C-alpha atoms as a PDB file:
ATOM      1  CA  MET A   1     105.210 170.853 163.627  1.00  0.00           C
ATOM      2  CA  GLY A   2     107.773 172.616 161.508  1.00  0.00           C
ATOM      3  CA  ALA A   3     107.268 173.778 157.948  1.00  0.00           C
ATOM      4  CA  ILE A   4     105.922 170.916 155.907  1.00  0.00           C
ATOM      5  CA  ASP A   5     105.384 171.006 152.169  1.00  0.00           C
ATOM      6  CA  LYS A   6     102.397 169.744 150.201  1.00  0.00           C
ATOM      7  CA  THR A   7     104.211 166.559 149.165  1.00  0.00           C
ATOM      8  CA  GLU A   8     104.907 165.668 152.799  1.00  0.00           C
ATOM      9  CA  ILE A   9     101.293 166.472 153.719  1.00  0.00           C
ATOM     10  CA  ALA A  10     100.101 164.139 150.971  1.00  0.00           C
ATOM     11  CA  GLU A  11     102.321 161.371 152.355  1.00  0.00           C
ATOM     12  CA  LEU A  12     101.153 162.052 155.916  1.00  0.00           C
ATOM     13  CA  ILE A  13      97.493 161.822 154.928  1.00  0.00           C
ATOM     14  CA  ARG A  14      98.017 158.681 152.849  1.00  0.00           C
ATOM     15  CA  GLU A  15     100.070 156.948 155.551  1.00  0.00           C
ATOM     16  CA  THR A  16      97.668 157.932 158.335  1.00  0.00           C
ATOM     17  CA  ARG A  17      94.680 156.667 156.363  1.00  0.00           C
ATOM     18  CA  ALA A  18      96.485 153.396 155.651  1.00  0.00           C
ATOM     19  CA  LEU A  19      97.317 152.972 159.325  1.00  0.00           C
ATOM     20  CA  THR A  20      93.730 153.636 160.378  1.00  0.00           C
ATOM     21  CA  LYS A  21      92.296 151.625 157.463  1.00  0.00           C
ATOM     22  CA  LEU A  22      89.907 154.481 156.643  1.00  0.00           C
ATOM     23  CA  SER A  23      88.714 155.628 153.231  1.00  0.00           C
ATOM     24  CA  GLN A  24      89.009 159.298 152.336  1.00  0.00           C
ATOM     25  CA  ILE A  25      85.311 159.696 153.175  1.00  0.00           C
ATOM     26  CA  GLN A  26      85.687 157.985 156.555  1.00  0.00           C
ATOM     27  CA  PHE A  27      88.852 159.939 157.380  1.00  0.00           C
ATOM     28  CA  ALA A  28      87.136 163.202 156.464  1.00  0.00           C
ATOM     29  CA  ALA A  29      84.216 162.349 158.763  1.00  0.00           C
ATOM     30  CA  LYS A  30      86.621 161.517 161.606  1.00  0.00           C
ATOM     31  CA  LEU A  31      88.294 164.926 161.220  1.00  0.00           C
ATOM     32  CA  GLY A  32      85.059 166.822 160.634  1.00  0.00           C
ATOM     33  CA  VAL A  33      86.082 168.049 157.196  1.00  0.00           C
ATOM     34  CA  SER A  34      84.795 167.375 153.710  1.00  0.00           C
ATOM     35  CA  PHE A  35      85.878 164.481 151.524  1.00  0.00           C
ATOM     36  CA  HIS A  36      87.068 167.093 149.025  1.00  0.00           C
ATOM     37  CA  SER A  37      89.454 168.577 151.584  1.00  0.00           C
ATOM     38  CA  VAL A  38      91.041 165.204 152.320  1.00  0.00           C
ATOM     39  CA  ASN A  39      91.238 164.442 148.606  1.00  0.00           C
ATOM     40  CA  ARG A  40      92.977 167.762 147.870  1.00  0.00           C
ATOM     41  CA  TRP A  41      95.424 167.249 150.735  1.00  0.00           C
ATOM     42  CA  GLU A  42      96.253 163.725 149.646  1.00  0.00           C
ATOM     43  CA  ASN A  43      96.753 164.797 146.046  1.00  0.00           C
ATOM     44  CA  GLY A  44      99.048 167.663 147.057  1.00  0.00           C
ATOM     45  CA  ARG A  45      96.762 170.439 145.854  1.00  0.00           C
ATOM     46  CA  THR A  46      96.264 172.131 149.232  1.00  0.00           C
ATOM     47  CA  LYS A  47      97.475 171.923 152.822  1.00  0.00           C
ATOM     48  CA  PRO A  48      95.274 171.417 155.880  1.00  0.00           C
ATOM     49  CA  LEU A  49      94.677 174.306 158.241  1.00  0.00           C
ATOM     50  CA  PRO A  50      96.625 174.125 161.522  1.00  0.00           C
ATOM     51  CA  LEU A  51      93.510 172.912 163.375  1.00  0.00           C
ATOM     52  CA  ALA A  52      93.143 169.975 160.973  1.00  0.00           C
ATOM     53  CA  LEU A  53      96.833 169.118 161.428  1.00  0.00           C
ATOM     54  CA  LYS A  54      96.279 169.069 165.196  1.00  0.00           C
ATOM     55  CA  GLN A  55      93.361 166.687 164.665  1.00  0.00           C
ATOM     56  CA  ILE A  56      95.538 164.414 162.512  1.00  0.00           C
ATOM     57  CA  GLU A  57      98.208 164.493 165.216  1.00  0.00           C
ATOM     58  CA  ALA A  58      95.551 163.552 167.802  1.00  0.00           C
ATOM     59  CA  VAL A  59      94.444 160.611 165.636  1.00  0.00           C
ATOM     60  CA  LEU A  60      98.042 159.376 165.537  1.00  0.00           C
ATOM     61  CA  TYR A  61      98.399 159.775 169.314  1.00  0.00           C
ATOM     62  CA  SER A  62      95.191 157.787 169.794  1.00  0.00           C
ATOM     63  CA  LEU A  63      96.782 154.879 167.920  1.00  0.00           C
ATOM     64  CA  GLY A  64      99.452 154.520 170.616  1.00  0.00           C
ATOM     65  CA  ASP A  65     102.498 152.562 169.484  1.00  0.00           C
ATOM     66  CA  ARG A  66     101.116 152.205 165.947  1.00  0.00           C
ATOM     67  CA  GLY A  67     101.144 155.994 165.467  1.00  0.00           C
ATOM     68  CA  GLU A  68     104.592 156.658 166.921  1.00  0.00           C
ATOM     69  CA  ASP A  69     106.563 156.382 163.683  1.00  0.00           C
ATOM     70  CA  LEU A  70     104.357 158.878 161.842  1.00  0.00           C
ATOM     71  CA  LEU A  71     104.356 161.264 164.814  1.00  0.00           C
ATOM     72  CA  ALA A  72     108.149 161.195 164.846  1.00  0.00           C
ATOM     73  CA  LYS A  73     108.347 161.572 161.074  1.00  0.00           C
ATOM     74  CA  TYR A  74     105.902 164.453 160.598  1.00  0.00           C
ATOM     75  CA  PHE A  75     105.412 166.170 163.961  1.00  0.00           C
ATOM     76  CA  SER A  76     108.309 167.683 165.851  1.00  0.00           C
ATOM     77  CA  SER A  77     106.668 166.967 169.206  1.00  0.00           C
ATOM     78  CA  GLY A  78     106.615 163.196 168.618  1.00  0.00           C
ATOM     79  CA  ARG A  79     106.077 160.876 171.570  1.00  0.00           C
ATOM     80  CA  SER A  80     108.362 160.877 174.561  1.00  0.00           C
END
């Protein structure tokens, strides 16, 4: 993943949650982080640590075809 700003992170989190149909609390539990972390990311106040971004990428990969667009949009590796 290249450099990504807080606004893009906020969009990534929001779009990933919408795709997975998870609340902020549920998404936080899935990633093993606090609700407050997800809330701050989604509101553009902070950025996730690289490990959390890898977990988000893994969630998108696990969605198969449904996650492809977001992988291509936010992660340079994308799906082949």
